[in-house]
Amino acid sequence: VELARALAAEPSLLLLDEPASGLNHEEV
């Protein structure tokens, strides 16, 4: 959801801060 919200602003540069934090192996 947070990723979708960041994309809603139509960025040309997307900064992802620890996107895999808290995810399990399959989710990563």
PDB file of all heavy atoms in Angstrom:
ATOM      1  N   VAL A   1       0.844  -1.204   0.000  1.00  0.00           N
ATOM      2  CA  VAL A   1       0.000   0.000   0.000  1.00  0.00           C
ATOM      3  C   VAL A   1       0.875   1.248   0.000  1.00  0.00           C
ATOM      4  O   VAL A   1       0.622   2.203  -0.753  1.00  0.00           O
ATOM      5  CB  VAL A   1      -0.950   0.015   1.225  1.00  0.00           C
ATOM      6  CG1 VAL A   1      -1.737   1.327   1.258  1.00  0.00           C
ATOM      7  CG2 VAL A   1      -1.900  -1.174   1.177  1.00  0.00           C
ATOM      8  N   GLU A   2       1.910   1.264   0.820  1.00  0.00           N
ATOM      9  CA  GLU A   2       2.783   2.428   0.856  1.00  0.00           C
ATOM     10  C   GLU A   2       3.495   2.615  -0.478  1.00  0.00           C
ATOM     11  O   GLU A   2       3.686   3.740  -0.949  1.00  0.00           O
ATOM     12  CB  GLU A   2       3.805   2.320   1.985  1.00  0.00           C
ATOM     13  CG  GLU A   2       4.590   3.618   2.128  1.00  0.00           C
ATOM     14  CD  GLU A   2       5.573   3.604   3.276  1.00  0.00           C
ATOM     15  OE1 GLU A   2       6.275   2.598   3.443  1.00  0.00           O
ATOM     16  OE2 GLU A   2       5.649   4.621   3.977  1.00  0.00           O
ATOM     17  N   LEU A   3       3.862   1.510  -1.112  1.00  0.00           N
ATOM     18  CA  LEU A   3       4.492   1.595  -2.430  1.00  0.00           C
ATOM     19  C   LEU A   3       3.521   2.184  -3.451  1.00  0.00           C
ATOM     20  O   LEU A   3       3.890   3.055  -4.252  1.00  0.00           O
ATOM     21  CB  LEU A   3       4.957   0.203  -2.858  1.00  0.00           C
ATOM     22  CG  LEU A   3       5.643   0.076  -4.219  1.00  0.00           C
ATOM     23  CD1 LEU A   3       6.815   1.039  -4.347  1.00  0.00           C
ATOM     24  CD2 LEU A   3       6.117  -1.362  -4.427  1.00  0.00           C
ATOM     25  N   ALA A   4       2.267   1.744  -3.403  1.00  0.00           N
ATOM     26  CA  ALA A   4       1.253   2.292  -4.316  1.00  0.00           C
ATOM     27  C   ALA A   4       1.064   3.779  -4.092  1.00  0.00           C
ATOM     28  O   ALA A   4       0.924   4.554  -5.040  1.00  0.00           O
ATOM     29  CB  ALA A   4      -0.063   1.548  -4.130  1.00  0.00           C
ATOM     30  N   ARG A   5       1.061   4.189  -2.817  1.00  0.00           N
ATOM     31  CA  ARG A   5       0.886   5.612  -2.520  1.00  0.00           C
ATOM     32  C   ARG A   5       2.051   6.440  -3.055  1.00  0.00           C
ATOM     33  O   ARG A   5       1.847   7.535  -3.589  1.00  0.00           O
ATOM     34  CB  ARG A   5       0.736   5.825  -1.008  1.00  0.00           C
ATOM     35  CG  ARG A   5       0.363   7.266  -0.664  1.00  0.00           C
ATOM     36  CD  ARG A   5       0.165   7.467   0.812  1.00  0.00           C
ATOM     37  NE  ARG A   5       1.392   7.257   1.568  1.00  0.00           N
ATOM     38  CZ  ARG A   5       1.470   7.381   2.889  1.00  0.00           C
ATOM     39  NH1 ARG A   5       0.406   7.694   3.594  1.00  0.00           N
ATOM     40  NH2 ARG A   5       2.622   7.178   3.515  1.00  0.00           N
ATOM     41  N   ALA A   6       3.284   5.928  -2.933  1.00  0.00           N
ATOM     42  CA  ALA A   6       4.442   6.639  -3.469  1.00  0.00           C
ATOM     43  C   ALA A   6       4.345   6.758  -4.991  1.00  0.00           C
ATOM     44  O   ALA A   6       4.697   7.789  -5.571  1.00  0.00           O
ATOM     45  CB  ALA A   6       5.729   5.928  -3.068  1.00  0.00           C
ATOM     46  N   LEU A   7       3.847   5.702  -5.637  1.00  0.00           N
ATOM     47  CA  LEU A   7       3.729   5.712  -7.096  1.00  0.00           C
ATOM     48  C   LEU A   7       2.602   6.626  -7.582  1.00  0.00           C
ATOM     49  O   LEU A   7       2.611   7.070  -8.731  1.00  0.00           O
ATOM     50  CB  LEU A   7       3.488   4.294  -7.610  1.00  0.00           C
ATOM     51  CG  LEU A   7       4.653   3.313  -7.435  1.00  0.00           C
ATOM     52  CD1 LEU A   7       4.206   1.902  -7.781  1.00  0.00           C
ATOM     53  CD2 LEU A   7       5.831   3.731  -8.306  1.00  0.00           C
ATOM     54  N   ALA A   8       1.644   6.916  -6.711  1.00  0.00           N
ATOM     55  CA  ALA A   8       0.500   7.748  -7.103  1.00  0.00           C
ATOM     56  C   ALA A   8       0.921   9.150  -7.508  1.00  0.00           C
ATOM     57  O   ALA A   8       0.230   9.819  -8.276  1.00  0.00           O
ATOM     58  CB  ALA A   8      -0.515   7.812  -5.967  1.00  0.00           C
ATOM     59  N   ALA A   9       2.050   9.614  -7.000  1.00  0.00           N
ATOM     60  CA  ALA A   9       2.541  10.950  -7.350  1.00  0.00           C
ATOM     61  C   ALA A   9       3.248  10.968  -8.702  1.00  0.00           C
ATOM     62  O   ALA A   9       3.766  12.009  -9.111  1.00  0.00           O
ATOM     63  CB  ALA A   9       3.488  11.461  -6.271  1.00  0.00           C
ATOM     64  N   GLU A  10       3.288   9.803  -9.381  1.00  0.00           N
ATOM     65  CA  GLU A  10       3.914   9.675 -10.699  1.00  0.00           C
ATOM     66  C   GLU A  10       5.371  10.133 -10.688  1.00  0.00           C
ATOM     67  O   GLU A  10       5.788  10.977 -11.495  1.00  0.00           O
ATOM     68  CB  GLU A  10       3.115  10.441 -11.759  1.00  0.00           C
ATOM     69  CG  GLU A  10       1.694   9.940 -11.913  1.00  0.00           C
ATOM     70  CD  GLU A  10       0.913  10.696 -12.976  1.00  0.00           C
ATOM     71  OE1 GLU A  10       1.538  11.475 -13.740  1.00  0.00           O
ATOM     72  OE2 GLU A  10      -0.315  10.519 -13.047  1.00  0.00           O
ATOM     73  N   PRO A  11       6.181   9.582  -9.779  1.00  0.00           N
ATOM     74  CA  PRO A  11       7.595   9.991  -9.737  1.00  0.00           C
ATOM     75  C   PRO A  11       8.377   9.431 -10.910  1.00  0.00           C
ATOM     76  O   PRO A  11       8.016   8.393 -11.485  1.00  0.00           O
ATOM     77  CB  PRO A  11       8.075   9.367  -8.418  1.00  0.00           C
ATOM     78  CG  PRO A  11       7.239   8.134  -8.276  1.00  0.00           C
ATOM     79  CD  PRO A  11       5.882   8.520  -8.802  1.00  0.00           C
ATOM     80  N   SER A  12       9.445  10.103 -11.254  1.00  0.00           N
ATOM     81  CA  SER A  12      10.400   9.535 -12.210  1.00  0.00           C
ATOM     82  C   SER A  12      11.554   8.879 -11.474  1.00  0.00           C
ATOM     83  O   SER A  12      12.265   8.032 -12.030  1.00  0.00           O
ATOM     84  CB  SER A  12      10.917  10.618 -13.165  1.00  0.00           C
ATOM     85  OG  SER A  12      11.380  11.754 -12.469  1.00  0.00           O
ATOM     86  N   LEU A  13      11.761   9.262 -10.181  1.00  0.00           N
ATOM     87  CA  LEU A  13      12.743   8.624  -9.309  1.00  0.00           C
ATOM     88  C   LEU A  13      12.019   8.131  -8.063  1.00  0.00           C
ATOM     89  O   LEU A  13      11.378   8.906  -7.360  1.00  0.00           O
ATOM     90  CB  LEU A  13      13.844   9.603  -8.901  1.00  0.00           C
ATOM     91  CG  LEU A  13      14.860   9.087  -7.876  1.00  0.00           C
ATOM     92  CD1 LEU A  13      15.671   7.925  -8.452  1.00  0.00           C
ATOM     93  CD2 LEU A  13      15.789  10.208  -7.411  1.00  0.00           C
ATOM     94  N   LEU A  14      12.119   6.821  -7.807  1.00  0.00           N
ATOM     95  CA  LEU A  14      11.471   6.217  -6.650  1.00  0.00           C
ATOM     96  C   LEU A  14      12.540   5.814  -5.643  1.00  0.00           C
ATOM     97  O   LEU A  14      13.447   5.038  -5.956  1.00  0.00           O
ATOM     98  CB  LEU A  14      10.664   4.994  -7.080  1.00  0.00           C
ATOM     99  CG  LEU A  14       9.931   4.216  -5.977  1.00  0.00           C
ATOM    100  CD1 LEU A  14       8.876   5.093  -5.301  1.00  0.00           C
ATOM    101  CD2 LEU A  14       9.283   2.960  -6.558  1.00  0.00           C
ATOM    102  N   LEU A  15      12.442   6.352  -4.415  1.00  0.00           N
ATOM    103  CA  LEU A  15      13.358   6.029  -3.332  1.00  0.00           C
ATOM    104  C   LEU A  15      12.688   4.993  -2.436  1.00  0.00           C
ATOM    105  O   LEU A  15      11.636   5.264  -1.860  1.00  0.00           O
ATOM    106  CB  LEU A  15      13.691   7.280  -2.519  1.00  0.00           C
ATOM    107  CG  LEU A  15      14.184   8.506  -3.286  1.00  0.00           C
ATOM    108  CD1 LEU A  15      14.381   9.684  -2.328  1.00  0.00           C
ATOM    109  CD2 LEU A  15      15.476   8.201  -4.032  1.00  0.00           C
ATOM    110  N   LEU A  16      13.295   3.822  -2.328  1.00  0.00           N
ATOM    111  CA  LEU A  16      12.749   2.750  -1.501  1.00  0.00           C
ATOM    112  C   LEU A  16      13.648   2.569  -0.285  1.00  0.00           C
ATOM    113  O   LEU A  16      14.806   2.175  -0.415  1.00  0.00           O
ATOM    114  CB  LEU A  16      12.664   1.444  -2.297  1.00  0.00           C
ATOM    115  CG  LEU A  16      11.772   1.457  -3.541  1.00  0.00           C
ATOM    116  CD1 LEU A  16      11.810   0.109  -4.240  1.00  0.00           C
ATOM    117  CD2 LEU A  16      10.337   1.822  -3.168  1.00  0.00           C
ATOM    118  N   ASP A  17      13.095   2.839   0.895  1.00  0.00           N
ATOM    119  CA  ASP A  17      13.862   2.768   2.137  1.00  0.00           C
ATOM    120  C   ASP A  17      13.534   1.463   2.856  1.00  0.00           C
ATOM    121  O   ASP A  17      12.460   1.320   3.439  1.00  0.00           O
ATOM    122  CB  ASP A  17      13.522   3.969   3.027  1.00  0.00           C
ATOM    123  CG  ASP A  17      14.460   4.112   4.209  1.00  0.00           C
ATOM    124  OD1 ASP A  17      15.322   3.233   4.394  1.00  0.00           O
ATOM    125  OD2 ASP A  17      14.323   5.096   4.957  1.00  0.00           O
ATOM    126  N   GLU A  18      14.451   0.491   2.796  1.00  0.00           N
ATOM    127  CA  GLU A  18      14.295  -0.821   3.430  1.00  0.00           C
ATOM    128  C   GLU A  18      12.962  -1.481   3.053  1.00  0.00           C
ATOM    129  O   GLU A  18      12.175  -1.871   3.924  1.00  0.00           O
ATOM    130  CB  GLU A  18      14.386  -0.689   4.954  1.00  0.00           C
ATOM    131  CG  GLU A  18      15.707  -0.148   5.461  1.00  0.00           C
ATOM    132  CD  GLU A  18      16.800  -1.217   5.514  1.00  0.00           C
ATOM    133  OE1 GLU A  18      16.538  -2.353   5.100  1.00  0.00           O
ATOM    134  OE2 GLU A  18      17.903  -0.878   5.963  1.00  0.00           O
ATOM    135  N   PRO A  19      12.682  -1.647   1.752  1.00  0.00           N
ATOM    136  CA  PRO A  19      11.384  -2.211   1.361  1.00  0.00           C
ATOM    137  C   PRO A  19      11.186  -3.658   1.809  1.00  0.00           C
ATOM    138  O   PRO A  19      10.050  -4.116   1.944  1.00  0.00           O
ATOM    139  CB  PRO A  19      11.398  -2.116  -0.172  1.00  0.00           C
ATOM    140  CG  PRO A  19      12.856  -2.116  -0.535  1.00  0.00           C
ATOM    141  CD  PRO A  19      13.516  -1.344   0.580  1.00  0.00           C
ATOM    142  N   ALA A  20      12.277  -4.414   2.052  1.00  0.00           N
ATOM    143  CA  ALA A  20      12.147  -5.821   2.460  1.00  0.00           C
ATOM    144  C   ALA A  20      12.107  -6.005   3.970  1.00  0.00           C
ATOM    145  O   ALA A  20      11.939  -7.126   4.444  1.00  0.00           O
ATOM    146  CB  ALA A  20      13.300  -6.634   1.872  1.00  0.00           C
ATOM    147  N   SER A  21      12.238  -4.915   4.711  1.00  0.00           N
ATOM    148  CA  SER A  21      12.252  -5.018   6.179  1.00  0.00           C
ATOM    149  C   SER A  21      10.945  -5.614   6.696  1.00  0.00           C
ATOM    150  O   SER A  21       9.855  -5.148   6.365  1.00  0.00           O
ATOM    151  CB  SER A  21      12.453  -3.625   6.791  1.00  0.00           C
ATOM    152  OG  SER A  21      12.343  -3.667   8.189  1.00  0.00           O
ATOM    153  N   GLY A  22      11.047  -6.664   7.499  1.00  0.00           N
ATOM    154  CA  GLY A  22       9.868  -7.280   8.095  1.00  0.00           C
ATOM    155  C   GLY A  22       9.157  -8.285   7.225  1.00  0.00           C
ATOM    156  O   GLY A  22       8.154  -8.866   7.642  1.00  0.00           O
ATOM    157  N   LEU A  23       9.653  -8.529   6.005  1.00  0.00           N
ATOM    158  CA  LEU A  23       9.015  -9.481   5.099  1.00  0.00           C
ATOM    159  C   LEU A  23       9.637 -10.865   5.238  1.00  0.00           C
ATOM    160  O   LEU A  23      10.817 -11.003   5.550  1.00  0.00           O
ATOM    161  CB  LEU A  23       9.151  -9.003   3.645  1.00  0.00           C
ATOM    162  CG  LEU A  23       8.597  -7.618   3.303  1.00  0.00           C
ATOM    163  CD1 LEU A  23       8.716  -7.363   1.807  1.00  0.00           C
ATOM    164  CD2 LEU A  23       7.140  -7.472   3.755  1.00  0.00           C
ATOM    165  N   ASN A  24       8.835 -11.893   4.962  1.00  0.00           N
ATOM    166  CA  ASN A  24       9.381 -13.246   4.979  1.00  0.00           C
ATOM    167  C   ASN A  24      10.043 -13.561   3.628  1.00  0.00           C
ATOM    168  O   ASN A  24      10.005 -12.755   2.703  1.00  0.00           O
ATOM    169  CB  ASN A  24       8.295 -14.280   5.335  1.00  0.00           C
ATOM    170  CG  ASN A  24       7.156 -14.307   4.311  1.00  0.00           C
ATOM    171  OD1 ASN A  24       7.373 -14.172   3.109  1.00  0.00           O
ATOM    172  ND2 ASN A  24       5.936 -14.482   4.804  1.00  0.00           N
ATOM    173  N   HIS A  25      10.655 -14.749   3.537  1.00  0.00           N
ATOM    174  CA  HIS A  25      11.445 -15.091   2.347  1.00  0.00           C
ATOM    175  C   HIS A  25      10.607 -15.032   1.069  1.00  0.00           C
ATOM    176  O   HIS A  25      11.047 -14.476   0.050  1.00  0.00           O
ATOM    177  CB  HIS A  25      12.043 -16.487   2.507  1.00  0.00           C
ATOM    178  CG  HIS A  25      12.853 -16.936   1.335  1.00  0.00           C
ATOM    179  ND1 HIS A  25      14.119 -16.427   1.055  1.00  0.00           N
ATOM    180  CD2 HIS A  25      12.575 -17.822   0.339  1.00  0.00           C
ATOM    181  CE1 HIS A  25      14.582 -16.991  -0.056  1.00  0.00           C
ATOM    182  NE2 HIS A  25      13.670 -17.843  -0.501  1.00  0.00           N
ATOM    183  N   GLU A  26       9.407 -15.580   1.126  1.00  0.00           N
ATOM    184  CA  GLU A  26       8.543 -15.584  -0.058  1.00  0.00           C
ATOM    185  C   GLU A  26       8.170 -14.164  -0.457  1.00  0.00           C
ATOM    186  O   GLU A  26       8.162 -13.815  -1.651  1.00  0.00           O
ATOM    187  CB  GLU A  26       7.283 -16.412   0.206  1.00  0.00           C
ATOM    188  CG  GLU A  26       6.349 -16.503  -0.997  1.00  0.00           C
ATOM    189  CD  GLU A  26       5.091 -17.296  -0.707  1.00  0.00           C
ATOM    190  OE1 GLU A  26       4.948 -17.790   0.444  1.00  0.00           O
ATOM    191  OE2 GLU A  26       4.248 -17.417  -1.605  1.00  0.00           O
ATOM    192  N   GLU A  27       7.851 -13.330   0.533  1.00  0.00           N
ATOM    193  CA  GLU A  27       7.469 -11.936   0.242  1.00  0.00           C
ATOM    194  C   GLU A  27       8.638 -11.161  -0.347  1.00  0.00           C
ATOM    195  O   GLU A  27       8.438 -10.306  -1.222  1.00  0.00           O
ATOM    196  CB  GLU A  27       6.972 -11.264   1.521  1.00  0.00           C
ATOM    197  CG  GLU A  27       5.615 -11.773   1.998  1.00  0.00           C
ATOM    198  CD  GLU A  27       5.235 -11.250   3.378  1.00  0.00           C
ATOM    199  OE1 GLU A  27       6.145 -10.971   4.194  1.00  0.00           O
ATOM    200  OE2 GLU A  27       4.023 -11.119   3.653  1.00  0.00           O
ATOM    201  N   VAL A  28       9.863 -11.434   0.107  1.00  0.00           N
ATOM    202  CA  VAL A  28      11.037 -10.750  -0.435  1.00  0.00           C
ATOM    203  C   VAL A  28      11.234 -11.120  -1.906  1.00  0.00           C
ATOM    204  O   VAL A  28      11.538 -10.261  -2.742  1.00  0.00           O
ATOM    205  CB  VAL A  28      12.300 -11.099   0.386  1.00  0.00           C
ATOM    206  CG1 VAL A  28      13.551 -10.568  -0.313  1.00  0.00           C
ATOM    207  CG2 VAL A  28      12.200 -10.499   1.783  1.00  0.00           C
TER     208      VAL A  28
END
